[in-house]
Amino acid sequence: MPRYRLNVNGQVRPLEAEADTPLLWALRDELGLVGAKHGCGAGLCGACTVHLDGQAVRSCQLPVSALKPGQAITTIEGLGGTHALQQAWVQHDVAQCGYCQAGQIMQAAALLKANPRPSEAEIDAAMAGNLCRCGTQLRIRAAIQSVIGGAA
């Protein structure tokens, strides 16, 4: 079985896994980082969103063999619980069931890193690929806007 060294949340972590193992399963099953969730398994819902070198990616569709040495992987656990978006999620009572929220926050964090002052339309476009079956999209947008100072 191939051996990998993953740079996850600032720590190099050894991993033994088959080349086609999705990053999601490596994170959850091998490294114990269970924040990213399995939703659709096809990269369509966003529940498995993590950052790869600061970019939001769907970890269910990314085999560990596709990772380049030293690439920085950040999971929801890597945000530390004190990120402004995590606080805004609580303030705006975003989560209902909570299943999609780690992916939502990671997608929003990547958006704000790339565009610190997105418009409402840009927020909606960036978040469109992250599904919330509970229907909290308006609260998600409000939480993001509050972080950039545009809360309604």
N, C-alpha and C. Protein backbone atom coordinates (compact mmCIF):
# COMPACT_ATOMS: atom_id res chain seq x y z
N MET A 1 0.85 -1.18 0.00
CA MET A 1 0.00 0.00 0.00
C MET A 1 0.90 1.24 0.00
N PRO A 2 0.59 2.21 -0.86
CA PRO A 2 1.43 3.43 -0.94
C PRO A 2 1.39 4.23 0.35
N ARG A 3 2.48 4.92 0.58
CA ARG A 3 2.59 5.79 1.75
C ARG A 3 2.60 7.24 1.27
N TYR A 4 1.90 8.08 2.02
CA TYR A 4 1.82 9.50 1.71
C TYR A 4 2.14 10.29 2.96
N ARG A 5 2.51 11.53 2.75
CA ARG A 5 2.70 12.48 3.85
C ARG A 5 1.82 13.68 3.53
N LEU A 6 0.75 13.84 4.29
CA LEU A 6 -0.20 14.91 4.05
C LEU A 6 0.05 16.06 5.01
N ASN A 7 0.05 17.26 4.48
CA ASN A 7 0.17 18.47 5.29
C ASN A 7 -1.25 18.92 5.63
N VAL A 8 -1.74 18.51 6.79
CA VAL A 8 -3.12 18.77 7.18
C VAL A 8 -3.15 19.69 8.40
N ASN A 9 -3.80 20.82 8.25
CA ASN A 9 -3.95 21.78 9.34
C ASN A 9 -2.61 22.14 9.97
N GLY A 10 -1.59 22.27 9.11
CA GLY A 10 -0.27 22.69 9.57
C GLY A 10 0.60 21.59 10.13
N GLN A 11 0.14 20.35 10.09
CA GLN A 11 0.93 19.22 10.58
C GLN A 11 1.11 18.20 9.47
N VAL A 12 2.32 17.67 9.34
CA VAL A 12 2.56 16.61 8.38
C VAL A 12 2.11 15.30 9.02
N ARG A 13 1.19 14.63 8.32
CA ARG A 13 0.60 13.40 8.85
C ARG A 13 0.89 12.25 7.88
N PRO A 14 1.46 11.15 8.39
CA PRO A 14 1.68 9.99 7.52
C PRO A 14 0.36 9.29 7.22
N LEU A 15 0.29 8.70 6.04
CA LEU A 15 -0.92 8.01 5.62
C LEU A 15 -0.54 6.84 4.73
N GLU A 16 -1.09 5.69 5.03
CA GLU A 16 -0.99 4.53 4.14
C GLU A 16 -2.36 4.33 3.55
N ALA A 17 -2.45 4.43 2.23
CA ALA A 17 -3.74 4.31 1.57
C ALA A 17 -3.54 3.93 0.12
N GLU A 18 -4.56 3.33 -0.46
CA GLU A 18 -4.54 3.05 -1.89
C GLU A 18 -4.55 4.38 -2.65
N ALA A 19 -3.96 4.40 -3.82
CA ALA A 19 -3.84 5.63 -4.60
C ALA A 19 -5.18 6.27 -4.93
N ASP A 20 -6.21 5.45 -5.10
CA ASP A 20 -7.52 5.99 -5.48
C ASP A 20 -8.40 6.33 -4.28
N THR A 21 -7.86 6.27 -3.07
CA THR A 21 -8.63 6.62 -1.88
C THR A 21 -8.97 8.11 -1.92
N PRO A 22 -10.25 8.45 -1.83
CA PRO A 22 -10.61 9.87 -1.79
C PRO A 22 -10.05 10.54 -0.52
N LEU A 23 -9.63 11.77 -0.68
CA LEU A 23 -9.12 12.52 0.46
C LEU A 23 -10.12 12.52 1.61
N LEU A 24 -11.41 12.60 1.32
CA LEU A 24 -12.43 12.60 2.37
C LEU A 24 -12.27 11.40 3.29
N TRP A 25 -12.10 10.21 2.71
CA TRP A 25 -11.99 9.01 3.54
C TRP A 25 -10.66 8.95 4.26
N ALA A 26 -9.61 9.46 3.65
CA ALA A 26 -8.31 9.52 4.34
C ALA A 26 -8.42 10.43 5.57
N LEU A 27 -9.05 11.58 5.38
CA LEU A 27 -9.21 12.51 6.51
C LEU A 27 -10.06 11.90 7.61
N ARG A 28 -11.21 11.36 7.25
CA ARG A 28 -12.16 10.84 8.24
C ARG A 28 -11.71 9.53 8.87
N ASP A 29 -11.42 8.54 8.02
CA ASP A 29 -11.18 7.19 8.51
C ASP A 29 -9.76 6.96 9.02
N GLU A 30 -8.80 7.60 8.40
CA GLU A 30 -7.41 7.34 8.77
C GLU A 30 -6.83 8.39 9.72
N LEU A 31 -7.25 9.64 9.54
CA LEU A 31 -6.67 10.72 10.35
C LEU A 31 -7.61 11.21 11.45
N GLY A 32 -8.84 10.72 11.48
CA GLY A 32 -9.77 11.07 12.55
C GLY A 32 -10.34 12.48 12.47
N LEU A 33 -10.25 13.12 11.32
CA LEU A 33 -10.78 14.46 11.13
C LEU A 33 -12.15 14.33 10.47
N VAL A 34 -13.20 14.35 11.27
CA VAL A 34 -14.53 13.99 10.79
C VAL A 34 -15.42 15.20 10.48
N GLY A 35 -14.86 16.40 10.46
CA GLY A 35 -15.66 17.59 10.15
C GLY A 35 -16.23 17.58 8.75
N ALA A 36 -15.42 17.23 7.77
CA ALA A 36 -15.91 17.12 6.39
C ALA A 36 -16.81 15.89 6.33
N LYS A 37 -17.95 16.04 5.70
CA LYS A 37 -18.95 14.97 5.68
C LYS A 37 -19.10 14.36 4.30
N HIS A 38 -19.54 13.13 4.26
CA HIS A 38 -19.91 12.48 3.00
C HIS A 38 -21.36 12.83 2.74
N GLY A 39 -21.61 13.48 1.63
CA GLY A 39 -22.98 13.83 1.26
C GLY A 39 -23.40 13.02 0.05
N CYS A 40 -22.98 13.47 -1.11
CA CYS A 40 -23.40 12.82 -2.35
C CYS A 40 -22.36 11.87 -2.92
N GLY A 41 -21.09 12.08 -2.58
CA GLY A 41 -20.02 11.26 -3.12
C GLY A 41 -19.65 11.60 -4.55
N ALA A 42 -20.28 12.61 -5.11
CA ALA A 42 -20.04 13.00 -6.51
C ALA A 42 -19.56 14.44 -6.64
N GLY A 43 -19.23 15.10 -5.54
CA GLY A 43 -18.74 16.47 -5.60
C GLY A 43 -19.81 17.50 -5.90
N LEU A 44 -21.07 17.16 -5.71
CA LEU A 44 -22.16 18.05 -6.08
C LEU A 44 -22.78 18.81 -4.91
N CYS A 45 -22.62 18.32 -3.69
CA CYS A 45 -23.34 18.93 -2.57
C CYS A 45 -22.48 19.84 -1.71
N GLY A 46 -21.17 19.62 -1.68
CA GLY A 46 -20.27 20.48 -0.92
C GLY A 46 -20.08 20.12 0.54
N ALA A 47 -20.71 19.07 1.04
CA ALA A 47 -20.56 18.70 2.45
C ALA A 47 -19.13 18.31 2.78
N CYS A 48 -18.37 17.89 1.79
CA CYS A 48 -17.00 17.42 2.00
C CYS A 48 -15.94 18.49 1.72
N THR A 49 -16.34 19.74 1.58
CA THR A 49 -15.43 20.81 1.18
C THR A 49 -14.32 21.03 2.20
N VAL A 50 -13.09 21.05 1.69
CA VAL A 50 -11.89 21.41 2.46
C VAL A 50 -11.10 22.38 1.60
N HIS A 51 -10.03 22.92 2.15
CA HIS A 51 -9.16 23.79 1.36
C HIS A 51 -7.91 23.04 0.96
N LEU A 52 -7.49 23.25 -0.26
CA LEU A 52 -6.22 22.75 -0.77
C LEU A 52 -5.46 23.97 -1.25
N ASP A 53 -4.40 24.30 -0.53
CA ASP A 53 -3.65 25.53 -0.80
C ASP A 53 -4.58 26.73 -0.86
N GLY A 54 -5.55 26.78 0.04
CA GLY A 54 -6.46 27.92 0.16
C GLY A 54 -7.67 27.90 -0.75
N GLN A 55 -7.73 26.94 -1.66
CA GLN A 55 -8.86 26.84 -2.58
C GLN A 55 -9.84 25.79 -2.08
N ALA A 56 -11.12 26.08 -2.18
CA ALA A 56 -12.14 25.12 -1.79
C ALA A 56 -12.17 23.98 -2.80
N VAL A 57 -12.10 22.74 -2.30
CA VAL A 57 -12.17 21.55 -3.14
C VAL A 57 -13.12 20.54 -2.51
N ARG A 58 -13.65 19.68 -3.34
CA ARG A 58 -14.52 18.60 -2.87
C ARG A 58 -13.64 17.39 -2.58
N SER A 59 -13.48 17.07 -1.33
CA SER A 59 -12.55 16.01 -0.93
C SER A 59 -13.05 14.62 -1.30
N CYS A 60 -14.33 14.47 -1.59
CA CYS A 60 -14.84 13.15 -2.00
C CYS A 60 -14.40 12.78 -3.40
N GLN A 61 -13.97 13.75 -4.18
CA GLN A 61 -13.59 13.52 -5.57
C GLN A 61 -12.09 13.63 -5.81
N LEU A 62 -11.33 13.87 -4.76
CA LEU A 62 -9.89 14.09 -4.90
C LEU A 62 -9.13 12.88 -4.36
N PRO A 63 -8.55 12.05 -5.24
CA PRO A 63 -7.77 10.91 -4.73
C PRO A 63 -6.47 11.39 -4.09
N VAL A 64 -6.04 10.69 -3.06
CA VAL A 64 -4.83 11.11 -2.36
C VAL A 64 -3.62 11.11 -3.29
N SER A 65 -3.63 10.29 -4.33
CA SER A 65 -2.51 10.25 -5.27
C SER A 65 -2.40 11.53 -6.10
N ALA A 66 -3.46 12.34 -6.14
CA ALA A 66 -3.44 13.58 -6.91
C ALA A 66 -2.81 14.73 -6.13
N LEU A 67 -2.58 14.53 -4.85
CA LEU A 67 -2.00 15.58 -4.02
C LEU A 67 -0.51 15.70 -4.31
N LYS A 68 -0.04 16.94 -4.37
CA LYS A 68 1.37 17.19 -4.58
C LYS A 68 2.05 17.29 -3.21
N PRO A 69 3.30 16.87 -3.11
CA PRO A 69 3.99 16.95 -1.83
C PRO A 69 3.96 18.37 -1.27
N GLY A 70 3.61 18.47 0.00
CA GLY A 70 3.61 19.76 0.69
C GLY A 70 2.36 20.59 0.52
N GLN A 71 1.42 20.18 -0.34
CA GLN A 71 0.20 20.96 -0.49
C GLN A 71 -0.50 21.06 0.85
N ALA A 72 -0.97 22.26 1.16
CA ALA A 72 -1.62 22.51 2.45
C ALA A 72 -3.10 22.16 2.37
N ILE A 73 -3.50 21.22 3.20
CA ILE A 73 -4.90 20.84 3.33
C ILE A 73 -5.41 21.45 4.63
N THR A 74 -6.52 22.16 4.55
CA THR A 74 -7.14 22.72 5.75
C THR A 74 -8.56 22.20 5.85
N THR A 75 -8.89 21.66 7.00
CA THR A 75 -10.23 21.16 7.27
C THR A 75 -10.91 22.12 8.23
N ILE A 76 -12.18 21.90 8.49
CA ILE A 76 -12.91 22.74 9.45
C ILE A 76 -12.21 22.72 10.81
N GLU A 77 -11.61 21.60 11.17
CA GLU A 77 -10.88 21.52 12.44
C GLU A 77 -9.70 22.48 12.45
N GLY A 78 -9.14 22.75 11.27
CA GLY A 78 -8.00 23.64 11.17
C GLY A 78 -8.35 25.11 11.36
N LEU A 79 -9.64 25.44 11.31
CA LEU A 79 -10.04 26.83 11.55
C LEU A 79 -10.03 27.15 13.04
N GLY A 80 -10.02 26.13 13.88
CA GLY A 80 -9.84 26.31 15.31
C GLY A 80 -11.06 26.69 16.12
N GLY A 81 -12.20 26.84 15.51
CA GLY A 81 -13.41 27.18 16.26
C GLY A 81 -13.58 28.66 16.56
N THR A 82 -12.59 29.46 16.21
CA THR A 82 -12.67 30.89 16.51
C THR A 82 -12.70 31.76 15.26
N HIS A 83 -12.77 31.14 14.12
CA HIS A 83 -12.82 31.90 12.86
C HIS A 83 -14.06 32.78 12.87
N ALA A 84 -13.95 33.96 12.29
CA ALA A 84 -15.08 34.90 12.26
C ALA A 84 -16.33 34.28 11.65
N LEU A 85 -16.17 33.44 10.63
CA LEU A 85 -17.34 32.79 10.03
C LEU A 85 -18.01 31.82 11.00
N GLN A 86 -17.22 31.09 11.77
CA GLN A 86 -17.80 30.17 12.74
C GLN A 86 -18.60 30.94 13.79
N GLN A 87 -18.07 32.06 14.21
CA GLN A 87 -18.80 32.89 15.18
C GLN A 87 -20.07 33.47 14.55
N ALA A 88 -20.00 33.90 13.30
CA ALA A 88 -21.17 34.44 12.61
C ALA A 88 -22.24 33.38 12.43
N TRP A 89 -21.82 32.14 12.18
CA TRP A 89 -22.78 31.04 12.04
C TRP A 89 -23.60 30.89 13.31
N VAL A 90 -22.95 31.02 14.45
CA VAL A 90 -23.65 30.90 15.74
C VAL A 90 -24.56 32.12 15.93
N GLN A 91 -24.04 33.31 15.69
CA GLN A 91 -24.81 34.53 15.89
C GLN A 91 -26.06 34.58 15.02
N HIS A 92 -25.98 34.03 13.82
CA HIS A 92 -27.11 34.05 12.89
C HIS A 92 -27.93 32.77 12.94
N ASP A 93 -27.60 31.90 13.89
CA ASP A 93 -28.36 30.66 14.08
C ASP A 93 -28.53 29.93 12.76
N VAL A 94 -27.42 29.77 12.04
CA VAL A 94 -27.46 29.20 10.69
C VAL A 94 -27.85 27.73 10.71
N ALA A 95 -27.20 26.95 11.54
CA ALA A 95 -27.37 25.50 11.46
C ALA A 95 -28.73 25.05 11.96
N GLN A 96 -29.32 24.14 11.23
CA GLN A 96 -30.49 23.42 11.73
C GLN A 96 -30.01 22.01 12.02
N CYS A 97 -29.93 21.16 11.01
CA CYS A 97 -29.40 19.82 11.28
C CYS A 97 -27.88 19.87 11.42
N GLY A 98 -27.23 20.82 10.74
CA GLY A 98 -25.80 21.02 10.87
C GLY A 98 -24.92 20.18 9.95
N TYR A 99 -25.50 19.24 9.23
CA TYR A 99 -24.70 18.30 8.45
C TYR A 99 -23.82 19.00 7.42
N CYS A 100 -24.33 19.98 6.74
CA CYS A 100 -23.59 20.64 5.65
C CYS A 100 -22.72 21.80 6.12
N GLN A 101 -22.80 22.15 7.38
CA GLN A 101 -22.22 23.42 7.81
C GLN A 101 -20.71 23.51 7.71
N ALA A 102 -19.97 22.43 7.95
CA ALA A 102 -18.51 22.50 7.81
C ALA A 102 -18.15 22.84 6.36
N GLY A 103 -18.81 22.19 5.41
CA GLY A 103 -18.57 22.48 4.00
C GLY A 103 -18.96 23.90 3.64
N GLN A 104 -20.07 24.35 4.19
CA GLN A 104 -20.53 25.73 3.94
C GLN A 104 -19.49 26.73 4.43
N ILE A 105 -19.02 26.54 5.65
CA ILE A 105 -18.04 27.46 6.24
C ILE A 105 -16.74 27.44 5.45
N MET A 106 -16.29 26.26 5.05
CA MET A 106 -15.04 26.18 4.29
C MET A 106 -15.18 26.86 2.93
N GLN A 107 -16.32 26.71 2.29
CA GLN A 107 -16.56 27.38 1.00
C GLN A 107 -16.59 28.90 1.21
N ALA A 108 -17.27 29.36 2.25
CA ALA A 108 -17.34 30.79 2.53
C ALA A 108 -15.97 31.36 2.87
N ALA A 109 -15.16 30.61 3.61
CA ALA A 109 -13.82 31.09 3.98
C ALA A 109 -12.95 31.24 2.74
N ALA A 110 -13.06 30.29 1.80
CA ALA A 110 -12.30 30.41 0.55
C ALA A 110 -12.77 31.61 -0.26
N LEU A 111 -14.08 31.83 -0.28
CA LEU A 111 -14.63 33.00 -0.98
C LEU A 111 -14.05 34.28 -0.41
N LEU A 112 -14.10 34.43 0.92
CA LEU A 112 -13.63 35.68 1.54
C LEU A 112 -12.13 35.86 1.42
N LYS A 113 -11.39 34.76 1.33
CA LYS A 113 -9.95 34.89 1.11
C LYS A 113 -9.68 35.42 -0.29
N ALA A 114 -10.43 34.92 -1.26
CA ALA A 114 -10.25 35.36 -2.65
C ALA A 114 -10.87 36.72 -2.93
N ASN A 115 -11.96 37.03 -2.22
CA ASN A 115 -12.71 38.26 -2.45
C ASN A 115 -13.23 38.77 -1.10
N PRO A 116 -12.46 39.61 -0.42
CA PRO A 116 -12.83 40.03 0.93
C PRO A 116 -14.14 40.82 1.04
N ARG A 117 -14.61 41.37 -0.06
CA ARG A 117 -15.85 42.15 -0.03
C ARG A 117 -16.79 41.74 -1.17
N PRO A 118 -17.24 40.50 -1.16
CA PRO A 118 -18.11 40.06 -2.25
C PRO A 118 -19.49 40.70 -2.17
N SER A 119 -20.08 40.89 -3.32
CA SER A 119 -21.46 41.37 -3.38
C SER A 119 -22.40 40.23 -3.02
N GLU A 120 -23.66 40.56 -2.83
CA GLU A 120 -24.66 39.53 -2.53
C GLU A 120 -24.71 38.50 -3.66
N ALA A 121 -24.65 38.97 -4.89
CA ALA A 121 -24.67 38.07 -6.04
C ALA A 121 -23.43 37.17 -6.07
N GLU A 122 -22.28 37.73 -5.72
CA GLU A 122 -21.06 36.93 -5.69
C GLU A 122 -21.11 35.89 -4.57
N ILE A 123 -21.69 36.24 -3.44
CA ILE A 123 -21.86 35.27 -2.35
C ILE A 123 -22.76 34.14 -2.83
N ASP A 124 -23.89 34.50 -3.41
CA ASP A 124 -24.84 33.48 -3.87
C ASP A 124 -24.19 32.57 -4.91
N ALA A 125 -23.42 33.14 -5.83
CA ALA A 125 -22.78 32.33 -6.87
C ALA A 125 -21.74 31.38 -6.26
N ALA A 126 -20.94 31.90 -5.33
CA ALA A 126 -19.89 31.07 -4.72
C ALA A 126 -20.48 29.96 -3.87
N MET A 127 -21.61 30.22 -3.24
CA MET A 127 -22.20 29.24 -2.32
C MET A 127 -23.21 28.31 -3.00
N ALA A 128 -23.51 28.54 -4.27
CA ALA A 128 -24.54 27.78 -4.96
C ALA A 128 -24.25 26.28 -5.00
N GLY A 129 -23.00 25.88 -5.03
CA GLY A 129 -22.65 24.47 -5.10
C GLY A 129 -22.66 23.76 -3.76
N ASN A 130 -22.92 24.49 -2.69
CA ASN A 130 -23.01 23.90 -1.36
C ASN A 130 -24.48 23.86 -0.97
N LEU A 131 -25.02 22.67 -0.91
CA LEU A 131 -26.45 22.51 -0.67
C LEU A 131 -26.77 22.43 0.81
N CYS A 132 -27.91 23.02 1.17
CA CYS A 132 -28.45 22.93 2.52
C CYS A 132 -29.89 22.47 2.39
N ARG A 133 -30.13 21.25 2.77
CA ARG A 133 -31.48 20.71 2.66
C ARG A 133 -32.44 21.33 3.66
N CYS A 134 -31.91 21.96 4.71
CA CYS A 134 -32.78 22.59 5.70
C CYS A 134 -33.26 23.96 5.24
N GLY A 135 -32.67 24.50 4.19
CA GLY A 135 -33.12 25.77 3.64
C GLY A 135 -32.60 27.00 4.37
N THR A 136 -31.38 26.93 4.90
CA THR A 136 -30.85 28.08 5.64
C THR A 136 -29.99 29.01 4.79
N GLN A 137 -30.17 28.98 3.49
CA GLN A 137 -29.34 29.79 2.60
C GLN A 137 -29.38 31.28 2.93
N LEU A 138 -30.55 31.79 3.32
CA LEU A 138 -30.63 33.22 3.65
C LEU A 138 -29.81 33.54 4.90
N ARG A 139 -29.82 32.64 5.88
CA ARG A 139 -29.01 32.85 7.08
C ARG A 139 -27.53 32.67 6.78
N ILE A 140 -27.21 31.77 5.87
CA ILE A 140 -25.82 31.59 5.47
C ILE A 140 -25.31 32.89 4.84
N ARG A 141 -26.10 33.46 3.92
CA ARG A 141 -25.70 34.72 3.29
C ARG A 141 -25.57 35.83 4.33
N ALA A 142 -26.51 35.92 5.25
CA ALA A 142 -26.45 36.95 6.30
C ALA A 142 -25.21 36.79 7.17
N ALA A 143 -24.85 35.57 7.49
CA ALA A 143 -23.66 35.33 8.31
C ALA A 143 -22.40 35.78 7.56
N ILE A 144 -22.33 35.45 6.27
CA ILE A 144 -21.18 35.88 5.47
C ILE A 144 -21.13 37.39 5.38
N GLN A 145 -22.28 38.01 5.13
CA GLN A 145 -22.33 39.47 5.03
C GLN A 145 -21.93 40.13 6.35
N SER A 146 -22.27 39.52 7.47
CA SER A 146 -21.91 40.13 8.76
C SER A 146 -20.40 40.14 8.96
N VAL A 147 -19.74 39.13 8.41
CA VAL A 147 -18.26 39.08 8.54
C VAL A 147 -17.62 40.18 7.70
N ILE A 148 -18.25 40.53 6.57
CA ILE A 148 -17.68 41.59 5.72
C ILE A 148 -18.29 42.95 6.05
N GLY A 149 -19.16 43.00 7.06
CA GLY A 149 -19.73 44.28 7.47
C GLY A 149 -20.98 44.67 6.71
N GLY A 150 -21.60 43.73 6.00
CA GLY A 150 -22.77 44.07 5.21
C GLY A 150 -24.04 43.40 5.69
N ALA A 151 -24.12 43.10 6.98
CA ALA A 151 -25.28 42.37 7.48
C ALA A 151 -26.55 43.21 7.37
N ALA A 152 -27.61 42.55 7.01
CA ALA A 152 -28.91 43.24 6.92
C ALA A 152 -29.49 43.47 8.30
